[in-house]
Amino acid sequence: MRRFCIRTFEWPWFDRFIILLIALNSIFLGVMDYTYEDGVGKKPLGNQLVDNSEILFTVFFTFECFVKIMALGLIMD
């Protein structure tokens, strides 16, 4: 398991993918309409997009955290 994490951590596209996710997450949060109040009228498209993408970003960022913790030897040295 640790070898897989090390190979993933050292893969050149891993950091690029994470940076892309950070940029996309920032864009999505910028699209969100903070003036909308829950339950009042139809939810704006930007808010729907952010709500639907939150779990996906959370899963990817948790995976990144797990891979880095394992690869750098914080757990299972």
Foldseek 3Di string as FASTA:
>chain_A
DLVVLQCLVPPPCNVVVLVVLVVVLVVLVVLADPVDDPPPDDHDPSNVVNVVCVVVSVVSVVVNVVSVCSNVPVDPD
